[in-house]
Amino acid sequence: MVSVENNILKVEIAEKGAELLSIKLKKDGTEYLWTADSTYWNRHAPVLFPIVGRLKDNHYTYDGKTYELNQHGFARDNVFGVAEGGSNAVELEFGYNEETLKRYPFKFKLKIRYELDGNKINVRYTVINEDDKEMFFSIGGHPGFNCPLMVGEKMEDYYLEFEQKEVLHTYDFKDGVLCQELYDFKNPESKIELSKDVFKHDALIIENIKSKTIALKSHKNSKSVTVELAGFPFVGLWSKLEGAPFVCIEPWYGVSDNENCSGNIENKKGINKLAPAESFSCSYSIVIK
């Protein structure tokens, strides 16, 4: 485990999966990141790579061969090395090996950087193609936040606030993959009032969102978490249907397969491409108040 801190925040990161473990506000000790209570969901904020979501039948094809990959890929279950570190920033990295090549036939390096800036955590993903052929990948974040943040409150005291008014066209699911049809999720006044029924269709997956930020706020206190996610083509919002006390706000470059997909990774919805020796970077931020 590694940690970074400044005068406002203390943040802990696991070397396994380069996953955020804790985000604490130092002045009062409030924990903002989901605690990974296995009663509900035993992760905090996994990194999703080289796929986001689920593949149809958990496999894909490339160059005439079939490969199996579980939901969200393998980065979250592998140990990263610390490439560089300091008091308020750390960069971790993970690269291809014999085991990854069995499931994902591309040579890559993945770098994840966490840097504190006041009450903000900047998260940057960098993917490098170290192969001699074009590489296909998805990447995304899956941070979960405690909801409620304060003792004595409940999820229904909280809401998600979008920077702009949105007409949310989102997907329904069938066997863990996306149905072709979209349905409108109504969110009057750019807000989603939270309850377990919000997630009765599983995650809300939003494509081409206009808002640059989504904030988790309370009707009963001034604490909030804002995720700055401008530029990400997909956003996932998720909690467990059983009324789990957390909400995930997930910026993605990629998305689950749909039910009628070909299974060819080159034609996968939301897939990203990198030529040999090229790199790709994207960033999002978590603002704590």
Protein backbone atom coordinates (compact mmCIF):
# COMPACT_ATOMS: atom_id res chain seq x y z
CA MET A 1 0.00 0.00 0.00
CA VAL A 2 1.21 3.52 -0.80
CA SER A 3 -0.18 6.83 0.37
CA VAL A 4 -0.15 10.46 -0.68
CA GLU A 5 -1.32 13.42 1.34
CA ASN A 6 -1.41 17.17 1.64
CA ASN A 7 -2.86 19.47 4.28
CA ILE A 8 -6.42 18.62 3.21
CA LEU A 9 -6.55 14.97 2.10
CA LYS A 10 -4.94 11.64 2.82
CA VAL A 11 -5.28 9.05 0.06
CA GLU A 12 -4.25 5.39 0.13
CA ILE A 13 -3.63 3.25 -2.97
CA ALA A 14 -3.15 -0.50 -3.26
CA GLU A 15 -0.37 -1.91 -5.39
CA LYS A 16 -2.79 -4.68 -6.38
CA GLY A 17 -4.78 -3.17 -9.21
CA ALA A 18 -3.44 0.35 -8.49
CA GLU A 19 -6.79 0.76 -6.76
CA LEU A 20 -7.76 3.64 -4.52
CA LEU A 21 -8.37 2.31 -1.00
CA SER A 22 -9.21 5.41 1.01
CA ILE A 23 -9.95 9.12 0.58
CA LYS A 24 -10.07 10.90 3.93
CA LEU A 25 -10.69 14.54 4.71
CA LYS A 26 -8.07 15.29 7.34
CA LYS A 27 -9.91 17.99 9.26
CA ASP A 28 -12.67 15.64 10.46
CA GLY A 29 -11.60 12.15 9.35
CA THR A 30 -14.55 11.62 7.01
CA GLU A 31 -14.02 8.63 4.71
CA TYR A 32 -15.40 9.35 1.24
CA LEU A 33 -14.39 6.19 -0.61
CA TRP A 34 -16.48 3.04 -0.32
CA THR A 35 -15.03 0.68 2.28
CA ALA A 36 -15.34 -2.54 0.21
CA ASP A 37 -17.69 -4.22 2.69
CA SER A 38 -18.04 -7.69 1.14
CA THR A 39 -21.66 -7.86 2.27
CA TYR A 40 -22.35 -5.65 -0.74
CA TRP A 41 -19.29 -5.19 -2.99
CA ASN A 42 -15.71 -6.10 -2.09
CA ARG A 43 -13.91 -3.45 -4.13
CA HIS A 44 -13.26 0.26 -3.67
CA ALA A 45 -12.34 1.77 -7.04
CA PRO A 46 -11.03 -0.79 -9.53
CA VAL A 47 -9.27 0.18 -12.75
CA LEU A 48 -10.99 -1.37 -15.77
CA PHE A 49 -8.57 -2.60 -18.47
CA PRO A 50 -8.30 -3.89 -21.20
CA ILE A 51 -12.11 -4.03 -21.36
CA VAL A 52 -14.90 -2.13 -19.66
CA GLY A 53 -17.98 -4.09 -18.69
CA ARG A 54 -18.79 -7.58 -19.87
CA LEU A 55 -18.09 -9.42 -23.12
CA LYS A 56 -20.87 -11.41 -24.73
CA ASP A 57 -20.34 -14.98 -23.42
CA ASN A 58 -17.12 -13.71 -21.77
CA HIS A 59 -15.02 -14.05 -24.91
CA TYR A 60 -13.90 -12.15 -28.01
CA THR A 61 -12.09 -12.96 -31.23
CA TYR A 62 -8.96 -11.48 -32.77
CA ASP A 63 -7.01 -12.65 -35.80
CA GLY A 64 -9.07 -15.81 -36.05
CA LYS A 65 -8.54 -16.87 -32.42
CA THR A 66 -10.89 -16.80 -29.43
CA TYR A 67 -9.85 -15.33 -26.07
CA GLU A 68 -11.67 -15.33 -22.73
CA LEU A 69 -11.81 -12.26 -20.49
CA ASN A 70 -13.92 -11.77 -17.40
CA GLN A 71 -15.89 -8.62 -16.68
CA HIS A 72 -13.76 -5.43 -16.59
CA GLY A 73 -10.55 -7.22 -17.58
CA PHE A 74 -7.50 -8.22 -15.54
CA ALA A 75 -5.70 -5.03 -14.49
CA ARG A 76 -7.66 -4.83 -11.22
CA ASP A 77 -6.32 -8.24 -10.12
CA ASN A 78 -2.62 -7.74 -10.94
CA VAL A 79 0.14 -6.14 -8.89
CA PHE A 80 1.50 -2.83 -10.14
CA GLY A 81 4.97 -1.51 -9.46
CA VAL A 82 5.60 1.98 -8.12
CA ALA A 83 7.33 3.85 -10.94
CA GLU A 84 7.68 7.15 -9.13
CA GLY A 85 6.40 8.63 -5.92
CA GLY A 86 6.39 11.66 -3.70
CA SER A 87 4.45 13.14 -0.83
CA ASN A 88 1.50 14.26 -2.94
CA ALA A 89 1.75 12.11 -6.11
CA VAL A 90 2.44 8.53 -7.12
CA GLU A 91 2.60 6.68 -10.43
CA LEU A 92 2.13 2.92 -10.70
CA GLU A 93 2.65 0.74 -13.75
CA PHE A 94 1.87 -2.73 -15.02
CA GLY A 95 2.92 -4.40 -18.26
CA TYR A 96 2.16 -7.45 -20.33
CA ASN A 97 3.45 -10.88 -19.34
CA GLU A 98 2.98 -14.51 -20.37
CA GLU A 99 -0.32 -14.77 -18.51
CA THR A 100 -1.84 -11.61 -19.98
CA LEU A 101 -0.86 -12.65 -23.50
CA LYS A 102 -2.95 -15.81 -23.11
CA ARG A 103 -6.06 -13.67 -22.62
CA TYR A 104 -5.11 -10.50 -24.47
CA PRO A 105 -2.64 -10.86 -27.36
CA PHE A 106 -1.11 -7.39 -27.19
CA LYS A 107 2.07 -6.11 -25.57
CA PHE A 108 1.29 -3.04 -23.50
CA LYS A 109 2.25 -0.91 -20.56
CA LEU A 110 -0.38 0.71 -18.32
CA LYS A 111 0.52 3.68 -16.11
CA ILE A 112 -1.78 5.14 -13.47
CA ARG A 113 -0.95 8.40 -11.74
CA TYR A 114 -2.65 9.86 -8.66
CA GLU A 115 -1.83 13.46 -7.76
CA LEU A 116 -3.30 15.71 -5.09
CA ASP A 117 -4.14 19.34 -5.81
CA GLY A 118 -5.78 20.91 -2.78
CA ASN A 119 -9.07 19.11 -2.22
CA LYS A 120 -8.83 17.37 -5.61
CA ILE A 121 -7.40 13.98 -6.65
CA ASN A 122 -6.28 13.95 -10.28
CA VAL A 123 -6.26 10.48 -11.85
CA ARG A 124 -4.44 9.89 -15.13
CA TYR A 125 -4.37 6.69 -17.19
CA THR A 126 -1.70 6.15 -19.84
CA VAL A 127 -1.73 3.14 -22.17
CA ILE A 128 1.35 2.43 -24.31
CA ASN A 129 1.38 0.01 -27.23
CA GLU A 130 4.67 -1.91 -26.99
CA ASP A 131 3.70 -4.32 -29.77
CA ASP A 132 4.48 -4.32 -33.49
CA LYS A 133 0.78 -4.37 -34.42
CA GLU A 134 -2.28 -2.23 -33.81
CA MET A 135 -3.68 -2.64 -30.31
CA PHE A 136 -7.36 -2.56 -29.26
CA PHE A 137 -8.41 -1.67 -25.71
CA SER A 138 -10.87 -0.01 -23.36
CA ILE A 139 -10.10 1.67 -20.05
CA GLY A 140 -12.12 3.23 -17.27
CA GLY A 141 -12.49 4.09 -13.62
CA HIS A 142 -14.97 2.56 -11.16
CA PRO A 143 -14.70 4.65 -7.95
CA GLY A 144 -17.33 3.96 -5.32
CA PHE A 145 -18.29 6.57 -2.73
CA ASN A 146 -19.93 6.13 0.64
CA CYS A 147 -23.59 7.06 0.48
CA PRO A 148 -24.49 8.17 3.04
CA LEU A 149 -21.35 10.03 4.07
CA MET A 150 -22.66 10.86 7.54
CA VAL A 151 -23.92 8.63 10.36
CA GLY A 152 -27.66 8.84 10.80
CA GLU A 153 -28.41 9.52 7.14
CA LYS A 154 -29.57 7.20 4.38
CA MET A 155 -29.14 6.92 0.62
CA GLU A 156 -32.51 8.57 0.05
CA ASP A 157 -31.09 11.78 1.57
CA TYR A 158 -28.67 12.03 -1.37
CA TYR A 159 -28.84 12.91 -5.04
CA LEU A 160 -26.62 13.04 -8.12
CA GLU A 161 -26.31 16.47 -9.68
CA PHE A 162 -25.29 16.95 -13.31
CA GLU A 163 -23.53 20.11 -14.46
CA GLN A 164 -26.08 20.53 -17.27
CA LYS A 165 -29.63 19.43 -17.84
CA GLU A 166 -29.50 16.07 -19.54
CA VAL A 167 -31.94 13.83 -21.33
CA LEU A 168 -30.37 10.56 -20.30
CA HIS A 169 -30.66 7.92 -22.98
CA THR A 170 -29.34 4.82 -21.30
CA TYR A 171 -29.29 1.08 -21.92
CA ASP A 172 -31.09 -1.90 -20.50
CA PHE A 173 -29.28 -5.20 -19.89
CA LYS A 174 -29.80 -8.78 -20.97
CA ASP A 175 -27.52 -11.49 -19.55
CA GLY A 176 -25.02 -8.83 -18.49
CA VAL A 177 -24.63 -7.22 -21.91
CA LEU A 178 -26.38 -4.23 -23.45
CA CYS A 179 -29.68 -4.49 -25.24
CA GLN A 180 -29.79 -2.64 -28.52
CA GLU A 181 -32.65 -0.38 -27.50
CA LEU A 182 -32.14 2.72 -25.39
CA TYR A 183 -34.63 4.00 -22.87
CA ASP A 184 -34.98 7.47 -21.40
CA PHE A 185 -34.16 7.88 -17.73
CA LYS A 186 -35.96 10.94 -16.42
CA ASN A 187 -33.95 13.25 -14.18
CA PRO A 188 -35.82 16.53 -13.63
CA GLU A 189 -33.72 19.62 -12.89
CA SER A 190 -30.46 17.82 -13.73
CA LYS A 191 -30.74 15.65 -10.61
CA ILE A 192 -31.25 12.00 -9.84
CA GLU A 193 -32.76 11.53 -6.40
CA LEU A 194 -31.14 8.37 -5.09
CA SER A 195 -32.90 5.21 -3.99
CA LYS A 196 -32.34 1.53 -4.61
CA ASP A 197 -34.96 1.67 -7.37
CA VAL A 198 -32.70 3.94 -9.44
CA PHE A 199 -30.51 0.91 -10.16
CA LYS A 200 -33.27 -1.65 -10.71
CA HIS A 201 -31.95 -2.22 -14.27
CA ASP A 202 -28.35 -2.53 -12.96
CA ALA A 203 -25.99 0.30 -13.92
CA LEU A 204 -27.15 3.42 -15.70
CA ILE A 205 -24.87 3.73 -18.73
CA ILE A 206 -24.86 7.14 -20.37
CA GLU A 207 -23.36 7.85 -23.78
CA ASN A 208 -22.33 11.30 -25.07
CA ILE A 209 -23.07 13.11 -21.83
CA LYS A 210 -22.95 16.92 -22.02
CA SER A 211 -22.10 17.54 -18.37
CA LYS A 212 -18.44 17.86 -17.42
CA THR A 213 -19.14 17.00 -13.78
CA ILE A 214 -21.40 14.74 -11.73
CA ALA A 215 -21.66 15.42 -7.99
CA LEU A 216 -22.92 13.28 -5.12
CA LYS A 217 -24.67 15.64 -2.69
CA SER A 218 -26.87 15.48 0.38
CA HIS A 219 -30.07 17.30 1.27
CA LYS A 220 -28.97 17.23 4.93
CA ASN A 221 -25.31 18.31 4.98
CA SER A 222 -22.81 20.26 2.89
CA LYS A 223 -20.42 17.40 2.13
CA SER A 224 -20.08 16.32 -1.49
CA VAL A 225 -18.00 14.38 -3.99
CA THR A 226 -17.69 15.73 -7.53
CA VAL A 227 -16.24 13.70 -10.39
CA GLU A 228 -14.83 15.81 -13.22
CA LEU A 229 -15.05 13.65 -16.33
CA ALA A 230 -15.03 15.90 -19.39
CA GLY A 231 -14.16 14.04 -22.58
CA PHE A 232 -15.12 10.54 -21.49
CA PRO A 233 -17.53 9.04 -24.06
CA PHE A 234 -19.36 6.82 -21.55
CA VAL A 235 -20.32 7.21 -17.90
CA GLY A 236 -21.61 4.49 -15.60
CA LEU A 237 -23.66 5.10 -12.46
CA TRP A 238 -24.12 2.07 -10.25
CA SER A 239 -25.00 0.67 -6.87
CA LYS A 240 -26.28 -2.69 -5.71
CA LEU A 241 -30.02 -3.22 -6.00
CA GLU A 242 -30.08 -4.45 -2.39
CA GLY A 243 -29.73 -0.88 -1.12
CA ALA A 244 -25.97 -0.93 -0.59
CA PRO A 245 -24.62 2.26 1.05
CA PHE A 246 -22.45 3.39 -1.85
CA VAL A 247 -22.71 4.89 -5.33
CA CYS A 248 -20.19 4.57 -8.16
CA ILE A 249 -19.57 7.37 -10.67
CA GLU A 250 -17.55 5.77 -13.45
CA PRO A 251 -15.82 7.52 -16.39
CA TRP A 252 -15.17 5.12 -19.26
CA TYR A 253 -13.43 4.87 -22.60
CA GLY A 254 -15.35 1.73 -23.53
CA VAL A 255 -18.53 -0.14 -22.68
CA SER A 256 -20.02 -3.63 -22.42
CA ASP A 257 -20.78 -5.66 -25.53
CA ASN A 258 -24.30 -5.49 -26.90
CA GLU A 259 -26.41 -8.57 -27.43
CA ASN A 260 -26.02 -8.54 -31.22
CA CYS A 261 -22.28 -7.90 -31.40
CA SER A 262 -19.97 -9.90 -33.66
CA GLY A 263 -17.50 -10.65 -30.86
CA ASN A 264 -14.59 -9.29 -32.90
CA ILE A 265 -12.60 -6.92 -30.67
CA GLU A 266 -11.74 -4.73 -33.66
CA ASN A 267 -15.45 -3.93 -34.13
CA LYS A 268 -16.37 -3.70 -30.44
CA LYS A 269 -18.50 -0.72 -29.43
CA GLY A 270 -16.38 2.02 -27.86
CA ILE A 271 -13.06 0.29 -28.59
CA ASN A 272 -9.88 2.37 -28.78
CA LYS A 273 -6.98 1.76 -31.14
CA LEU A 274 -3.25 2.40 -30.81
CA ALA A 275 -0.63 2.04 -33.52
CA PRO A 276 2.72 0.48 -32.56
CA ALA A 277 4.70 2.68 -30.11
CA GLU A 278 1.78 5.09 -29.72
CA SER A 279 0.30 6.06 -26.35
CA PHE A 280 -3.11 7.15 -25.11
CA SER A 281 -3.86 9.22 -22.00
CA CYS A 282 -7.04 10.32 -20.28
CA SER A 283 -7.75 11.95 -16.93
CA TYR A 284 -10.53 12.49 -14.46
CA SER A 285 -10.62 14.15 -11.04
CA ILE A 286 -12.38 13.61 -7.72
CA VAL A 287 -13.17 16.79 -5.77
CA ILE A 288 -13.86 16.42 -2.04
CA LYS A 289 -15.87 18.90 0.02
